[in-house]
N, C-alpha and C. Protein backbone atom coordinates (compact mmCIF):
# COMPACT_ATOMS: atom_id res chain seq x y z
N MET A 1 -14.71 19.80 4.62
CA MET A 1 -15.34 18.73 5.43
C MET A 1 -14.55 18.56 6.72
N GLN A 2 -15.21 18.72 7.84
CA GLN A 2 -14.54 18.68 9.13
C GLN A 2 -14.64 17.31 9.80
N ASP A 3 -15.81 16.71 9.77
CA ASP A 3 -16.02 15.44 10.45
C ASP A 3 -16.01 14.31 9.44
N ILE A 4 -14.95 13.51 9.45
CA ILE A 4 -14.84 12.43 8.47
C ILE A 4 -14.92 11.07 9.16
N ARG A 5 -15.39 11.05 10.40
CA ARG A 5 -15.43 9.78 11.12
C ARG A 5 -16.32 8.76 10.44
N PHE A 6 -17.44 9.21 9.90
CA PHE A 6 -18.33 8.26 9.23
C PHE A 6 -17.67 7.68 7.98
N LEU A 7 -16.99 8.54 7.21
CA LEU A 7 -16.31 8.05 6.01
C LEU A 7 -15.19 7.08 6.36
N LYS A 8 -14.48 7.36 7.45
CA LYS A 8 -13.45 6.43 7.89
C LYS A 8 -14.06 5.09 8.30
N PHE A 9 -15.21 5.17 8.95
CA PHE A 9 -15.90 3.94 9.35
C PHE A 9 -16.31 3.12 8.12
N VAL A 10 -16.80 3.81 7.09
CA VAL A 10 -17.21 3.13 5.85
C VAL A 10 -16.02 2.45 5.19
N ILE A 11 -14.89 3.16 5.13
CA ILE A 11 -13.68 2.58 4.54
C ILE A 11 -13.20 1.40 5.37
N PHE A 12 -13.24 1.54 6.68
CA PHE A 12 -12.79 0.47 7.57
C PHE A 12 -13.62 -0.79 7.37
N VAL A 13 -14.93 -0.63 7.32
CA VAL A 13 -15.82 -1.79 7.14
C VAL A 13 -15.60 -2.43 5.78
N ASN A 14 -15.54 -1.61 4.74
CA ASN A 14 -15.38 -2.15 3.39
C ASN A 14 -14.02 -2.79 3.17
N ALA A 15 -13.01 -2.33 3.89
CA ALA A 15 -11.68 -2.93 3.76
C ALA A 15 -11.66 -4.36 4.27
N PHE A 16 -12.58 -4.68 5.17
CA PHE A 16 -12.66 -6.05 5.69
C PHE A 16 -13.62 -6.94 4.90
N VAL A 17 -14.37 -6.36 3.98
CA VAL A 17 -15.31 -7.17 3.19
C VAL A 17 -14.61 -8.26 2.40
N PRO A 18 -13.53 -7.97 1.67
CA PRO A 18 -12.87 -9.05 0.92
C PRO A 18 -12.38 -10.18 1.82
N LEU A 19 -11.85 -9.83 2.98
CA LEU A 19 -11.36 -10.86 3.89
C LEU A 19 -12.51 -11.70 4.43
N THR A 20 -13.64 -11.04 4.72
CA THR A 20 -14.82 -11.77 5.20
C THR A 20 -15.33 -12.74 4.14
N LEU A 21 -15.41 -12.27 2.90
CA LEU A 21 -15.87 -13.13 1.82
C LEU A 21 -14.91 -14.30 1.59
N LEU A 22 -13.63 -14.00 1.70
CA LEU A 22 -12.62 -15.05 1.54
C LEU A 22 -12.76 -16.11 2.63
N ALA A 23 -12.97 -15.66 3.86
CA ALA A 23 -13.14 -16.59 4.97
C ALA A 23 -14.41 -17.43 4.82
N LEU A 24 -15.49 -16.79 4.38
CA LEU A 24 -16.74 -17.52 4.18
C LEU A 24 -16.61 -18.56 3.07
N ASP A 25 -15.98 -18.17 1.97
CA ASP A 25 -15.78 -19.12 0.88
C ASP A 25 -14.88 -20.27 1.32
N GLY A 26 -13.87 -19.95 2.14
CA GLY A 26 -13.01 -21.01 2.65
C GLY A 26 -13.76 -21.96 3.57
N TYR A 27 -14.61 -21.40 4.40
CA TYR A 27 -15.41 -22.23 5.32
C TYR A 27 -16.34 -23.16 4.56
N HIS A 28 -16.89 -22.66 3.45
CA HIS A 28 -17.84 -23.46 2.66
C HIS A 28 -17.15 -24.22 1.52
N HIS A 29 -15.80 -24.24 1.55
CA HIS A 29 -15.01 -24.98 0.56
C HIS A 29 -15.32 -24.53 -0.87
N LYS A 30 -15.30 -23.20 -1.07
CA LYS A 30 -15.60 -22.64 -2.39
C LYS A 30 -14.41 -21.87 -2.97
N LEU A 31 -13.21 -22.26 -2.56
CA LEU A 31 -12.01 -21.56 -3.04
C LEU A 31 -11.33 -22.28 -4.20
N GLY A 32 -12.01 -23.24 -4.80
CA GLY A 32 -11.45 -23.92 -5.95
C GLY A 32 -10.62 -25.13 -5.59
N ALA A 33 -9.92 -25.64 -6.60
CA ALA A 33 -9.14 -26.86 -6.43
C ALA A 33 -7.92 -26.65 -5.55
N ASN A 34 -7.40 -25.42 -5.53
CA ASN A 34 -6.22 -25.11 -4.71
C ASN A 34 -6.53 -23.91 -3.83
N PRO A 35 -7.22 -24.13 -2.72
CA PRO A 35 -7.65 -23.01 -1.87
C PRO A 35 -6.48 -22.21 -1.28
N HIS A 36 -5.38 -22.88 -0.98
CA HIS A 36 -4.23 -22.18 -0.40
C HIS A 36 -3.66 -21.18 -1.41
N GLU A 37 -3.54 -21.60 -2.66
CA GLU A 37 -3.04 -20.70 -3.69
C GLU A 37 -4.00 -19.54 -3.93
N PHE A 38 -5.30 -19.84 -3.91
CA PHE A 38 -6.30 -18.79 -4.11
C PHE A 38 -6.21 -17.75 -3.00
N ALA A 39 -6.09 -18.20 -1.74
CA ALA A 39 -6.01 -17.27 -0.62
C ALA A 39 -4.74 -16.43 -0.69
N THR A 40 -3.64 -17.06 -1.08
CA THR A 40 -2.38 -16.34 -1.19
C THR A 40 -2.45 -15.29 -2.29
N ARG A 41 -3.02 -15.66 -3.43
CA ARG A 41 -3.13 -14.73 -4.55
C ARG A 41 -4.08 -13.57 -4.19
N ALA A 42 -5.20 -13.88 -3.55
CA ALA A 42 -6.18 -12.84 -3.21
C ALA A 42 -5.60 -11.82 -2.23
N THR A 43 -4.91 -12.29 -1.20
CA THR A 43 -4.33 -11.36 -0.23
C THR A 43 -3.21 -10.53 -0.85
N GLY A 44 -2.49 -11.11 -1.80
CA GLY A 44 -1.45 -10.35 -2.49
C GLY A 44 -2.04 -9.23 -3.33
N VAL A 45 -3.11 -9.52 -4.05
CA VAL A 45 -3.78 -8.49 -4.85
C VAL A 45 -4.33 -7.38 -3.95
N LEU A 46 -4.90 -7.75 -2.81
CA LEU A 46 -5.44 -6.75 -1.89
C LEU A 46 -4.32 -5.87 -1.31
N THR A 47 -3.16 -6.47 -1.09
CA THR A 47 -2.02 -5.70 -0.60
C THR A 47 -1.66 -4.60 -1.59
N LEU A 48 -1.49 -4.98 -2.85
CA LEU A 48 -1.15 -3.99 -3.88
C LEU A 48 -2.25 -2.95 -4.04
N LEU A 49 -3.49 -3.38 -3.99
CA LEU A 49 -4.62 -2.46 -4.16
C LEU A 49 -4.60 -1.37 -3.09
N PHE A 50 -4.44 -1.76 -1.83
CA PHE A 50 -4.47 -0.77 -0.76
C PHE A 50 -3.22 0.10 -0.75
N LEU A 51 -2.09 -0.46 -1.15
CA LEU A 51 -0.88 0.36 -1.25
C LEU A 51 -1.07 1.45 -2.31
N LEU A 52 -1.60 1.07 -3.46
CA LEU A 52 -1.80 2.06 -4.51
C LEU A 52 -2.87 3.08 -4.13
N LEU A 53 -3.90 2.63 -3.43
CA LEU A 53 -4.91 3.58 -2.97
C LEU A 53 -4.31 4.60 -1.99
N SER A 54 -3.44 4.13 -1.12
CA SER A 54 -2.81 5.05 -0.16
C SER A 54 -1.90 6.05 -0.89
N LEU A 55 -1.21 5.58 -1.93
CA LEU A 55 -0.33 6.48 -2.69
C LEU A 55 -1.13 7.44 -3.56
N ALA A 56 -2.36 7.06 -3.89
CA ALA A 56 -3.21 7.92 -4.73
C ALA A 56 -3.87 9.05 -3.95
N VAL A 57 -3.82 8.98 -2.63
CA VAL A 57 -4.51 9.99 -1.82
C VAL A 57 -3.94 11.39 -2.04
N THR A 58 -2.62 11.50 -2.01
CA THR A 58 -2.01 12.82 -2.16
C THR A 58 -2.29 13.44 -3.52
N PRO A 59 -2.11 12.70 -4.64
CA PRO A 59 -2.51 13.29 -5.93
C PRO A 59 -3.98 13.71 -5.97
N ALA A 60 -4.86 12.88 -5.41
CA ALA A 60 -6.28 13.23 -5.39
C ALA A 60 -6.51 14.49 -4.56
N ARG A 61 -5.85 14.57 -3.42
CA ARG A 61 -6.01 15.74 -2.56
C ARG A 61 -5.57 17.01 -3.27
N LYS A 62 -4.44 16.94 -3.97
CA LYS A 62 -3.91 18.13 -4.63
C LYS A 62 -4.70 18.51 -5.86
N MET A 63 -5.08 17.53 -6.66
CA MET A 63 -5.80 17.84 -7.89
C MET A 63 -7.22 18.34 -7.61
N LEU A 64 -7.85 17.79 -6.57
CA LEU A 64 -9.21 18.19 -6.23
C LEU A 64 -9.27 19.39 -5.29
N GLY A 65 -8.13 19.72 -4.69
CA GLY A 65 -8.12 20.83 -3.74
C GLY A 65 -8.88 20.52 -2.47
N GLN A 66 -8.78 19.27 -2.00
CA GLN A 66 -9.50 18.82 -0.81
C GLN A 66 -8.50 18.30 0.24
N PRO A 67 -7.98 19.17 1.10
CA PRO A 67 -6.95 18.76 2.07
C PRO A 67 -7.39 17.64 3.01
N TRP A 68 -8.70 17.53 3.30
CA TRP A 68 -9.19 16.54 4.25
C TRP A 68 -8.98 15.11 3.76
N LEU A 69 -8.76 14.92 2.46
CA LEU A 69 -8.53 13.57 1.95
C LEU A 69 -7.26 12.94 2.53
N ALA A 70 -6.33 13.78 2.96
CA ALA A 70 -5.07 13.27 3.52
C ALA A 70 -5.31 12.41 4.76
N LYS A 71 -6.44 12.60 5.41
CA LYS A 71 -6.72 11.85 6.63
C LYS A 71 -7.03 10.38 6.38
N PHE A 72 -7.21 10.00 5.11
CA PHE A 72 -7.47 8.59 4.80
C PHE A 72 -6.20 7.82 4.45
N ARG A 73 -5.10 8.53 4.22
CA ARG A 73 -3.88 7.90 3.72
C ARG A 73 -3.32 6.87 4.69
N ARG A 74 -3.29 7.23 5.95
CA ARG A 74 -2.72 6.32 6.95
C ARG A 74 -3.52 5.02 7.04
N MET A 75 -4.83 5.14 7.09
CA MET A 75 -5.67 3.96 7.19
C MET A 75 -5.48 3.03 5.99
N LEU A 76 -5.47 3.59 4.79
CA LEU A 76 -5.30 2.78 3.59
C LEU A 76 -3.94 2.11 3.56
N GLY A 77 -2.91 2.84 3.97
CA GLY A 77 -1.57 2.27 4.02
C GLY A 77 -1.46 1.13 5.01
N LEU A 78 -2.09 1.29 6.16
CA LEU A 78 -2.05 0.24 7.18
C LEU A 78 -2.83 -1.00 6.73
N PHE A 79 -3.90 -0.80 5.97
CA PHE A 79 -4.60 -1.96 5.43
C PHE A 79 -3.73 -2.68 4.39
N GLY A 80 -2.94 -1.93 3.66
CA GLY A 80 -1.99 -2.55 2.74
C GLY A 80 -0.99 -3.41 3.49
N PHE A 81 -0.49 -2.90 4.61
CA PHE A 81 0.44 -3.67 5.44
C PHE A 81 -0.26 -4.88 6.04
N PHE A 82 -1.50 -4.71 6.47
CA PHE A 82 -2.27 -5.80 7.07
C PHE A 82 -2.45 -6.95 6.08
N TYR A 83 -2.87 -6.63 4.87
CA TYR A 83 -3.07 -7.68 3.87
C TYR A 83 -1.73 -8.26 3.40
N GLY A 84 -0.69 -7.44 3.43
CA GLY A 84 0.64 -7.96 3.11
C GLY A 84 1.08 -8.99 4.14
N GLY A 85 0.78 -8.71 5.41
CA GLY A 85 1.09 -9.68 6.46
C GLY A 85 0.31 -10.97 6.28
N LEU A 86 -0.96 -10.85 5.92
CA LEU A 86 -1.78 -12.05 5.67
C LEU A 86 -1.25 -12.83 4.46
N HIS A 87 -0.83 -12.10 3.44
CA HIS A 87 -0.27 -12.73 2.24
C HIS A 87 0.97 -13.57 2.60
N LEU A 88 1.84 -12.98 3.40
CA LEU A 88 3.04 -13.71 3.83
C LEU A 88 2.67 -14.88 4.73
N LEU A 89 1.69 -14.68 5.60
CA LEU A 89 1.27 -15.74 6.52
C LEU A 89 0.69 -16.93 5.77
N THR A 90 -0.10 -16.68 4.74
CA THR A 90 -0.67 -17.80 3.99
C THR A 90 0.42 -18.65 3.35
N TYR A 91 1.48 -18.00 2.90
CA TYR A 91 2.60 -18.74 2.31
C TYR A 91 3.36 -19.53 3.37
N VAL A 92 3.71 -18.86 4.46
CA VAL A 92 4.49 -19.50 5.52
C VAL A 92 3.70 -20.61 6.19
N TRP A 93 2.40 -20.40 6.37
CA TRP A 93 1.57 -21.37 7.10
C TRP A 93 1.12 -22.52 6.19
N PHE A 94 0.38 -22.16 5.13
CA PHE A 94 -0.23 -23.20 4.30
C PHE A 94 0.76 -23.91 3.39
N ASP A 95 1.70 -23.14 2.85
CA ASP A 95 2.62 -23.73 1.87
C ASP A 95 3.81 -24.42 2.54
N LYS A 96 4.36 -23.80 3.60
CA LYS A 96 5.58 -24.31 4.21
C LYS A 96 5.41 -24.79 5.65
N VAL A 97 4.22 -24.64 6.20
CA VAL A 97 3.90 -25.12 7.56
C VAL A 97 4.96 -24.64 8.56
N PHE A 98 5.36 -23.38 8.43
CA PHE A 98 6.30 -22.74 9.36
C PHE A 98 7.66 -23.44 9.42
N GLN A 99 8.04 -24.16 8.40
CA GLN A 99 9.35 -24.82 8.35
C GLN A 99 10.37 -23.84 7.76
N MET A 100 11.15 -23.23 8.63
CA MET A 100 12.05 -22.16 8.21
C MET A 100 13.09 -22.65 7.21
N GLN A 101 13.58 -23.86 7.39
CA GLN A 101 14.58 -24.39 6.46
C GLN A 101 14.00 -24.49 5.04
N ALA A 102 12.73 -24.93 4.96
CA ALA A 102 12.08 -25.04 3.66
C ALA A 102 11.83 -23.66 3.05
N ILE A 103 11.52 -22.69 3.90
CA ILE A 103 11.29 -21.33 3.41
C ILE A 103 12.56 -20.74 2.84
N VAL A 104 13.67 -20.89 3.57
CA VAL A 104 14.96 -20.37 3.11
C VAL A 104 15.36 -21.01 1.78
N ALA A 105 15.17 -22.33 1.69
CA ALA A 105 15.50 -23.04 0.45
C ALA A 105 14.63 -22.56 -0.70
N ASP A 106 13.36 -22.31 -0.42
CA ASP A 106 12.43 -21.86 -1.45
C ASP A 106 12.79 -20.46 -1.94
N VAL A 107 13.21 -19.60 -1.02
CA VAL A 107 13.63 -18.24 -1.39
C VAL A 107 14.82 -18.30 -2.34
N GLY A 108 15.74 -19.22 -2.07
CA GLY A 108 16.91 -19.36 -2.93
C GLY A 108 16.57 -19.87 -4.32
N LYS A 109 15.55 -20.71 -4.42
CA LYS A 109 15.19 -21.31 -5.70
C LYS A 109 14.25 -20.43 -6.51
N ARG A 110 13.42 -19.63 -5.83
CA ARG A 110 12.40 -18.85 -6.54
C ARG A 110 12.56 -17.37 -6.20
N PRO A 111 13.24 -16.62 -7.07
CA PRO A 111 13.55 -15.20 -6.79
C PRO A 111 12.32 -14.34 -6.50
N PHE A 112 11.17 -14.68 -7.10
CA PHE A 112 10.00 -13.83 -6.89
C PHE A 112 9.58 -13.81 -5.42
N ILE A 113 9.89 -14.89 -4.68
CA ILE A 113 9.56 -14.92 -3.26
C ILE A 113 10.45 -13.94 -2.50
N MET A 114 11.73 -13.89 -2.87
CA MET A 114 12.63 -12.94 -2.23
C MET A 114 12.19 -11.50 -2.49
N VAL A 115 11.76 -11.24 -3.73
CA VAL A 115 11.28 -9.89 -4.08
C VAL A 115 10.06 -9.53 -3.23
N GLY A 116 9.14 -10.48 -3.10
CA GLY A 116 7.94 -10.24 -2.31
C GLY A 116 8.24 -10.01 -0.84
N MET A 117 9.11 -10.84 -0.27
CA MET A 117 9.45 -10.69 1.14
C MET A 117 10.18 -9.38 1.40
N THR A 118 11.07 -9.01 0.49
CA THR A 118 11.78 -7.73 0.64
C THR A 118 10.81 -6.56 0.62
N SER A 119 9.84 -6.63 -0.29
CA SER A 119 8.83 -5.57 -0.38
C SER A 119 8.03 -5.46 0.91
N PHE A 120 7.67 -6.60 1.48
CA PHE A 120 6.92 -6.56 2.74
C PHE A 120 7.77 -5.99 3.87
N LEU A 121 9.04 -6.38 3.92
CA LEU A 121 9.92 -5.87 4.98
C LEU A 121 10.07 -4.36 4.89
N LEU A 122 10.01 -3.81 3.68
CA LEU A 122 10.08 -2.36 3.52
C LEU A 122 8.87 -1.67 4.12
N LEU A 123 7.76 -2.40 4.20
CA LEU A 123 6.54 -1.81 4.76
C LEU A 123 6.57 -1.77 6.29
N VAL A 124 7.40 -2.61 6.89
CA VAL A 124 7.40 -2.71 8.35
C VAL A 124 7.75 -1.37 9.02
N PRO A 125 8.87 -0.71 8.64
CA PRO A 125 9.15 0.58 9.29
C PRO A 125 8.11 1.64 8.98
N LEU A 126 7.44 1.53 7.84
CA LEU A 126 6.39 2.50 7.50
C LEU A 126 5.19 2.32 8.42
N ALA A 127 4.83 1.07 8.70
CA ALA A 127 3.72 0.81 9.61
C ALA A 127 4.05 1.26 11.02
N ILE A 128 5.28 0.99 11.45
CA ILE A 128 5.70 1.36 12.80
C ILE A 128 5.68 2.87 13.01
N THR A 129 6.03 3.61 11.97
CA THR A 129 6.14 5.08 12.09
C THR A 129 4.89 5.80 11.59
N SER A 130 3.81 5.09 11.40
CA SER A 130 2.60 5.73 10.86
C SER A 130 1.73 6.33 11.95
N ASN A 131 2.33 7.18 12.77
CA ASN A 131 1.57 7.88 13.80
C ASN A 131 2.20 9.24 14.05
N THR A 132 1.43 10.11 14.65
CA THR A 132 1.88 11.50 14.85
C THR A 132 3.12 11.58 15.73
N ARG A 133 3.20 10.72 16.74
CA ARG A 133 4.36 10.75 17.63
C ARG A 133 5.66 10.47 16.86
N MET A 134 5.62 9.50 15.95
CA MET A 134 6.82 9.17 15.18
C MET A 134 7.16 10.29 14.19
N ILE A 135 6.15 10.97 13.65
CA ILE A 135 6.41 12.11 12.77
C ILE A 135 7.19 13.18 13.52
N ARG A 136 6.74 13.45 14.75
CA ARG A 136 7.42 14.47 15.55
C ARG A 136 8.82 14.02 15.94
N TRP A 137 8.98 12.73 16.24
CA TRP A 137 10.28 12.23 16.69
C TRP A 137 11.29 12.22 15.54
N LEU A 138 10.84 11.81 14.36
CA LEU A 138 11.74 11.76 13.21
C LEU A 138 11.94 13.13 12.56
N GLY A 139 10.92 13.96 12.69
CA GLY A 139 10.94 15.22 11.95
C GLY A 139 10.27 15.03 10.61
N GLY A 140 9.57 16.04 10.14
CA GLY A 140 8.80 15.92 8.92
C GLY A 140 9.62 15.51 7.72
N LYS A 141 10.81 16.09 7.54
CA LYS A 141 11.62 15.81 6.36
C LYS A 141 12.09 14.37 6.35
N ARG A 142 12.65 13.90 7.46
CA ARG A 142 13.13 12.51 7.51
C ARG A 142 11.98 11.52 7.41
N TRP A 143 10.84 11.87 8.00
CA TRP A 143 9.68 10.99 7.93
C TRP A 143 9.20 10.85 6.49
N ASN A 144 9.16 11.97 5.77
CA ASN A 144 8.77 11.93 4.36
C ASN A 144 9.73 11.08 3.54
N GLN A 145 11.02 11.25 3.80
CA GLN A 145 12.01 10.47 3.06
C GLN A 145 11.85 8.98 3.33
N LEU A 146 11.59 8.62 4.58
CA LEU A 146 11.40 7.21 4.92
C LEU A 146 10.17 6.65 4.21
N HIS A 147 9.10 7.41 4.20
CA HIS A 147 7.84 6.90 3.66
C HIS A 147 7.80 6.89 2.13
N ARG A 148 8.84 7.39 1.49
CA ARG A 148 8.96 7.19 0.05
C ARG A 148 9.22 5.72 -0.29
N LEU A 149 9.62 4.96 0.73
CA LEU A 149 9.79 3.52 0.51
C LEU A 149 8.49 2.84 0.10
N ALA A 150 7.36 3.50 0.34
CA ALA A 150 6.08 2.92 -0.08
C ALA A 150 6.06 2.71 -1.59
N TYR A 151 6.68 3.62 -2.34
CA TYR A 151 6.76 3.45 -3.78
C TYR A 151 7.62 2.26 -4.15
N VAL A 152 8.73 2.10 -3.44
CA VAL A 152 9.63 0.98 -3.70
C VAL A 152 8.93 -0.34 -3.38
N ALA A 153 8.22 -0.36 -2.24
CA ALA A 153 7.50 -1.57 -1.84
C ALA A 153 6.42 -1.92 -2.85
N ALA A 154 5.68 -0.91 -3.33
CA ALA A 154 4.64 -1.16 -4.32
C ALA A 154 5.23 -1.66 -5.64
N ALA A 155 6.36 -1.08 -6.04
CA ALA A 155 7.02 -1.54 -7.27
C ALA A 155 7.50 -2.98 -7.10
N GLY A 156 8.07 -3.28 -5.94
CA GLY A 156 8.50 -4.65 -5.68
C GLY A 156 7.33 -5.61 -5.68
N GLY A 157 6.19 -5.18 -5.14
CA GLY A 157 5.00 -6.02 -5.13
C GLY A 157 4.51 -6.31 -6.54
N ALA A 158 4.53 -5.29 -7.41
CA ALA A 158 4.10 -5.49 -8.79
C ALA A 158 5.05 -6.44 -9.54
N ILE A 159 6.35 -6.29 -9.28
CA ILE A 159 7.33 -7.18 -9.90
C ILE A 159 7.15 -8.61 -9.40
N HIS A 160 6.95 -8.74 -8.10
CA HIS A 160 6.69 -10.04 -7.49
C HIS A 160 5.48 -10.72 -8.13
N PHE A 161 4.42 -9.97 -8.34
CA PHE A 161 3.20 -10.48 -8.95
C PHE A 161 3.46 -10.90 -10.40
N TYR A 162 4.19 -10.05 -11.13
CA TYR A 162 4.49 -10.33 -12.54
C TYR A 162 5.32 -11.61 -12.67
N MET A 163 6.31 -11.78 -11.82
CA MET A 163 7.15 -12.97 -11.87
C MET A 163 6.39 -14.23 -11.48
N LEU A 164 5.35 -14.05 -10.67
CA LEU A 164 4.58 -15.20 -10.18
C LEU A 164 3.63 -15.74 -11.24
N VAL A 165 2.93 -14.85 -11.94
CA VAL A 165 1.84 -15.32 -12.81
C VAL A 165 2.32 -16.00 -14.09
N LYS A 166 3.53 -15.65 -14.56
CA LYS A 166 4.17 -16.31 -15.71
C LYS A 166 3.44 -16.06 -17.03
N ALA A 167 2.20 -16.52 -17.17
CA ALA A 167 1.51 -16.45 -18.47
C ALA A 167 0.66 -15.19 -18.61
N ASP A 168 -0.44 -15.12 -17.88
CA ASP A 168 -1.36 -13.99 -17.99
C ASP A 168 -0.89 -12.86 -17.09
N THR A 169 -0.20 -11.89 -17.68
CA THR A 169 0.42 -10.81 -16.89
C THR A 169 -0.40 -9.53 -16.91
N ARG A 170 -1.65 -9.59 -17.35
CA ARG A 170 -2.44 -8.37 -17.50
C ARG A 170 -2.67 -7.65 -16.17
N VAL A 171 -3.03 -8.39 -15.13
CA VAL A 171 -3.33 -7.75 -13.84
C VAL A 171 -2.08 -7.11 -13.22
N PRO A 172 -0.95 -7.82 -13.11
CA PRO A 172 0.24 -7.16 -12.58
C PRO A 172 0.69 -5.97 -13.42
N LEU A 173 0.50 -6.05 -14.73
CA LEU A 173 0.86 -4.90 -15.57
C LEU A 173 -0.07 -3.72 -15.32
N LEU A 174 -1.34 -3.99 -15.01
CA LEU A 174 -2.25 -2.91 -14.65
C LEU A 174 -1.80 -2.22 -13.37
N PHE A 175 -1.39 -3.02 -12.39
CA PHE A 175 -0.87 -2.43 -11.16
C PHE A 175 0.39 -1.60 -11.43
N ALA A 176 1.28 -2.16 -12.25
CA ALA A 176 2.51 -1.44 -12.59
C ALA A 176 2.19 -0.14 -13.33
N GLY A 177 1.20 -0.19 -14.23
CA GLY A 177 0.81 1.02 -14.95
C GLY A 177 0.24 2.08 -14.03
N ALA A 178 -0.59 1.66 -13.07
CA ALA A 178 -1.15 2.60 -12.10
C ALA A 178 -0.06 3.24 -11.26
N LEU A 179 0.90 2.44 -10.85
CA LEU A 179 2.02 2.98 -10.08
C LEU A 179 2.83 3.95 -10.91
N GLY A 180 3.02 3.63 -12.21
CA GLY A 180 3.74 4.54 -13.10
C GLY A 180 3.04 5.89 -13.22
N ILE A 181 1.72 5.87 -13.28
CA ILE A 181 0.96 7.12 -13.35
C ILE A 181 1.15 7.95 -12.09
N LEU A 182 1.13 7.28 -10.93
CA LEU A 182 1.32 7.99 -9.67
C LEU A 182 2.73 8.59 -9.58
N LEU A 183 3.72 7.84 -10.04
CA LEU A 183 5.09 8.37 -10.05
C LEU A 183 5.21 9.53 -11.04
N GLY A 184 4.54 9.39 -12.19
CA GLY A 184 4.57 10.47 -13.16
C GLY A 184 3.94 11.74 -12.62
N TYR A 185 2.85 11.58 -11.87
CA TYR A 185 2.22 12.75 -11.25
C TYR A 185 3.17 13.41 -10.26
N ARG A 186 3.86 12.59 -9.49
CA ARG A 186 4.80 13.13 -8.50
C ARG A 186 5.87 13.99 -9.17
N ILE A 187 6.39 13.53 -10.31
CA ILE A 187 7.42 14.28 -11.02
C ILE A 187 6.84 15.59 -11.58
N LEU A 188 5.68 15.49 -12.20
CA LEU A 188 5.05 16.70 -12.74
C LEU A 188 4.71 17.70 -11.64
N ASN A 189 4.23 17.19 -10.52
CA ASN A 189 3.86 18.07 -9.42
C ASN A 189 5.06 18.79 -8.82
N LYS A 190 6.20 18.14 -8.87
CA LYS A 190 7.41 18.77 -8.33
C LYS A 190 7.84 19.97 -9.16
N TYR A 191 7.74 19.85 -10.47
CA TYR A 191 8.25 20.89 -11.35
C TYR A 191 7.17 21.82 -11.90
N PHE A 192 5.93 21.33 -11.98
CA PHE A 192 4.85 22.14 -12.55
C PHE A 192 3.61 22.11 -11.65
N PRO A 193 3.76 22.53 -10.39
CA PRO A 193 2.62 22.44 -9.46
C PRO A 193 1.41 23.26 -9.88
N ARG A 194 1.63 24.33 -10.64
CA ARG A 194 0.50 25.16 -11.04
C ARG A 194 -0.45 24.42 -11.98
N TYR A 195 0.06 23.38 -12.64
CA TYR A 195 -0.77 22.61 -13.55
C TYR A 195 -1.31 21.32 -12.91
N THR A 196 -0.79 20.94 -11.77
CA THR A 196 -1.18 19.66 -11.15
C THR A 196 -1.92 19.81 -9.83
N GLU A 197 -2.05 21.06 -9.33
CA GLU A 197 -2.74 21.30 -8.08
C GLU A 197 -3.78 22.39 -8.24
N ARG A 198 -4.86 22.26 -7.52
CA ARG A 198 -5.82 23.35 -7.44
C ARG A 198 -5.30 24.37 -6.43
N PRO A 199 -5.64 25.64 -6.58
CA PRO A 199 -5.11 26.68 -5.68
C PRO A 199 -5.33 26.38 -4.21
N LEU A 200 -6.49 25.82 -3.84
CA LEU A 200 -6.76 25.53 -2.45
C LEU A 200 -5.76 24.53 -1.90
N ALA A 201 -5.39 23.53 -2.72
CA ALA A 201 -4.45 22.52 -2.27
C ALA A 201 -3.07 23.13 -2.07
N ARG A 202 -2.65 24.03 -2.99
CA ARG A 202 -1.34 24.66 -2.86
C ARG A 202 -1.29 25.53 -1.61
N ALA A 203 -2.37 26.28 -1.36
CA ALA A 203 -2.41 27.15 -0.19
C ALA A 203 -2.39 26.32 1.09
N ALA A 204 -3.14 25.21 1.10
CA ALA A 204 -3.17 24.35 2.28
C ALA A 204 -1.82 23.70 2.51
N GLY A 205 -1.15 23.33 1.41
CA GLY A 205 0.17 22.72 1.55
C GLY A 205 1.18 23.69 2.14
N LYS A 206 1.15 24.95 1.70
CA LYS A 206 2.06 25.95 2.25
C LYS A 206 1.77 26.21 3.72
N ALA A 207 0.50 26.26 4.08
CA ALA A 207 0.13 26.48 5.48
C ALA A 207 0.59 25.32 6.35
N ALA A 208 0.46 24.10 5.83
CA ALA A 208 0.89 22.93 6.60
C ALA A 208 2.39 22.94 6.83
N LYS A 209 3.15 23.36 5.81
CA LYS A 209 4.60 23.42 5.95
C LYS A 209 5.01 24.43 7.02
N LEU A 210 4.34 25.57 7.02
CA LEU A 210 4.66 26.60 8.00
C LEU A 210 4.28 26.17 9.41
N ALA A 211 3.15 25.49 9.55
CA ALA A 211 2.64 25.12 10.87
C ALA A 211 3.27 23.86 11.43
N HIS A 212 3.62 22.93 10.57
CA HIS A 212 4.07 21.62 11.05
C HIS A 212 5.43 21.20 10.50
N GLY A 213 6.16 22.11 9.93
CA GLY A 213 7.48 21.75 9.45
C GLY A 213 7.42 20.69 8.35
N ASN A 214 6.37 20.81 7.49
CA ASN A 214 6.21 19.89 6.37
C ASN A 214 5.88 18.46 6.79
N SER A 215 5.48 18.26 8.02
CA SER A 215 5.20 16.91 8.50
C SER A 215 3.96 16.31 7.89
N GLN A 216 3.10 17.12 7.31
CA GLN A 216 1.87 16.60 6.75
C GLN A 216 1.97 16.35 5.25
N GLU A 217 3.05 16.81 4.60
CA GLU A 217 3.18 16.57 3.18
C GLU A 217 3.81 15.22 2.95
N THR A 218 3.02 14.17 3.10
CA THR A 218 3.53 12.82 2.95
C THR A 218 3.15 12.27 1.60
N LEU A 219 3.69 11.08 1.32
CA LEU A 219 3.39 10.44 0.06
C LEU A 219 2.20 9.52 0.21
């Protein structure tokens, strides 16, 4: 598949659907008894969802033998960062009204907030370097090493979610399980690529390494 502009457009539009629905429900006062908490929880779930989708692109590309799927990874990762920023903003704005002293005190009292903020901060350099110019400037190897932080950020996000919900931990455990599967695939692919990749994906990966110094083999 050569022209994926329409598919990118579809993903772009659908990525904003949850935010649009959230805004409409907020406008019509349909977010429940605690709308601020609902908005914070929803944006946090969307952050984890898009992070995991971005991390799933490479396994899907290799297992299906479809190199063009890699072109969606950046967009999905940036949407994860976007919703992560909204998640943090809802907390800072609605919960603490931008009072930095209250935020610092809250971080000290509630460790899950520190875990969440640390995870978001890990995404900042990934968002900044998510372009071809930065790949060339850093070099493919260093860029790949930096972007492995996406796994750390996703793990931190799942832990943050688990610590937050207290009672019903099914959803954060599902996210953690999905991340575990992606990490397991990464390990298997490193040592047993003949069983985890289709031949077309392996050939495309070798060609990319030769042509671009491994700059396209990202996580």
